[in-house]
Amino acid sequence: MSERGIPIIHLLEVDRLAERYDLPIAPMPLPEIGEGKIFSESMYNIPFAVILIIFYSLATFCLIRIDMKHYLFRPPRKEVDS
């Protein structure tokens, strides 16, 4: 399987893998299903996200306004006769 590129785990050294990744080998008592570090819920920082959305919206509005002012209110080009 390894030669075909399929990931494998060497089962003879499970203790070393468990120690390396800070996992219990045979916890007693067994934890309830859905408990532990792997099942923790990560949350977004909502106030920070709202502040960033407002900032990016204002920055985008200002840049578009500046760009429109440049193209809409510039003096017309004079054509040069050859």
Protein backbone atom coordinates (compact mmCIF):
# COMPACT_ATOMS: atom_id res chain seq x y z
CA MET A 1 0.00 0.00 0.00
CA SER A 2 2.83 2.39 0.78
CA GLU A 3 4.32 1.80 -2.67
CA ARG A 4 0.95 2.78 -4.19
CA GLY A 5 0.89 6.04 -2.22
CA ILE A 6 -1.74 4.96 0.31
CA PRO A 7 -1.02 6.30 3.83
CA ILE A 8 -0.34 3.62 6.39
CA ILE A 9 0.18 3.47 10.17
CA HIS A 10 2.77 1.13 11.63
CA LEU A 11 0.68 -0.65 14.26
CA LEU A 12 3.66 -1.99 16.19
CA GLU A 13 4.56 1.48 17.43
CA VAL A 14 1.15 2.80 18.45
CA ASP A 15 2.48 3.73 21.88
CA ARG A 16 5.07 6.05 20.34
CA LEU A 17 2.48 7.65 18.03
CA ALA A 18 0.08 8.17 20.94
CA GLU A 19 2.83 9.76 23.02
CA ARG A 20 3.93 11.97 20.12
CA TYR A 21 0.41 13.35 19.54
CA ASP A 22 -0.61 13.45 23.21
CA LEU A 23 -3.30 10.78 22.85
CA PRO A 24 -4.34 8.31 25.56
CA ILE A 25 -3.41 4.70 24.81
CA ALA A 26 -6.10 2.93 26.84
CA PRO A 27 -7.97 5.48 28.96
CA MET A 28 -9.90 4.23 31.95
CA PRO A 29 -12.76 4.89 32.22
CA LEU A 30 -13.53 5.19 28.54
CA PRO A 31 -14.65 8.73 27.62
CA GLU A 32 -18.18 9.37 26.43
CA ILE A 33 -18.72 9.50 22.69
CA GLY A 34 -18.22 13.05 21.42
CA GLU A 35 -15.99 14.21 24.27
CA GLY A 36 -12.37 15.20 24.07
CA LYS A 37 -10.06 17.61 22.31
CA ILE A 38 -10.94 16.40 18.82
CA PHE A 39 -14.62 17.31 19.30
CA SER A 40 -14.04 20.84 20.56
CA GLU A 41 -15.93 23.56 18.75
CA SER A 42 -14.09 26.53 17.31
CA MET A 43 -15.93 29.83 17.05
CA TYR A 44 -15.28 32.97 15.06
CA ASN A 45 -14.70 36.26 16.82
CA ILE A 46 -17.92 37.95 15.68
CA PRO A 47 -17.14 41.55 16.81
CA PHE A 48 -13.75 41.41 15.08
CA ALA A 49 -15.32 40.02 11.89
CA VAL A 50 -17.95 42.80 11.87
CA ILE A 51 -15.27 45.47 12.32
CA LEU A 52 -13.25 44.00 9.43
CA ILE A 53 -16.30 43.83 7.16
CA ILE A 54 -17.09 47.49 7.88
CA PHE A 55 -13.46 48.50 7.30
CA TYR A 56 -13.19 46.58 4.01
CA SER A 57 -16.53 47.95 2.83
CA LEU A 58 -15.46 51.54 3.55
CA ALA A 59 -12.07 51.02 1.91
CA THR A 60 -13.71 49.54 -1.19
CA PHE A 61 -16.25 52.38 -1.34
CA CYS A 62 -13.49 55.03 -1.05
CA LEU A 63 -11.33 53.41 -3.72
CA ILE A 64 -14.24 53.09 -6.14
CA ARG A 65 -15.29 56.69 -5.47
CA ILE A 66 -11.76 58.00 -6.09
CA ASP A 67 -11.49 55.94 -9.27
CA MET A 68 -14.88 57.12 -10.57
CA LYS A 69 -14.05 60.74 -9.81
CA HIS A 70 -10.81 60.40 -11.76
CA TYR A 71 -12.47 58.95 -14.86
CA LEU A 72 -15.76 60.89 -14.84
CA PHE A 73 -14.51 64.38 -14.09
CA ARG A 74 -11.21 64.56 -15.97
CA PRO A 75 -10.92 67.06 -18.81
CA PRO A 76 -11.50 65.65 -22.29
CA ARG A 77 -8.45 64.76 -24.35
CA LYS A 78 -7.51 66.94 -27.26
CA GLU A 79 -7.09 65.06 -30.51
CA VAL A 80 -3.87 65.66 -32.37
CA ASP A 81 -3.98 65.95 -36.17
CA SER A 82 -1.20 64.07 -37.92
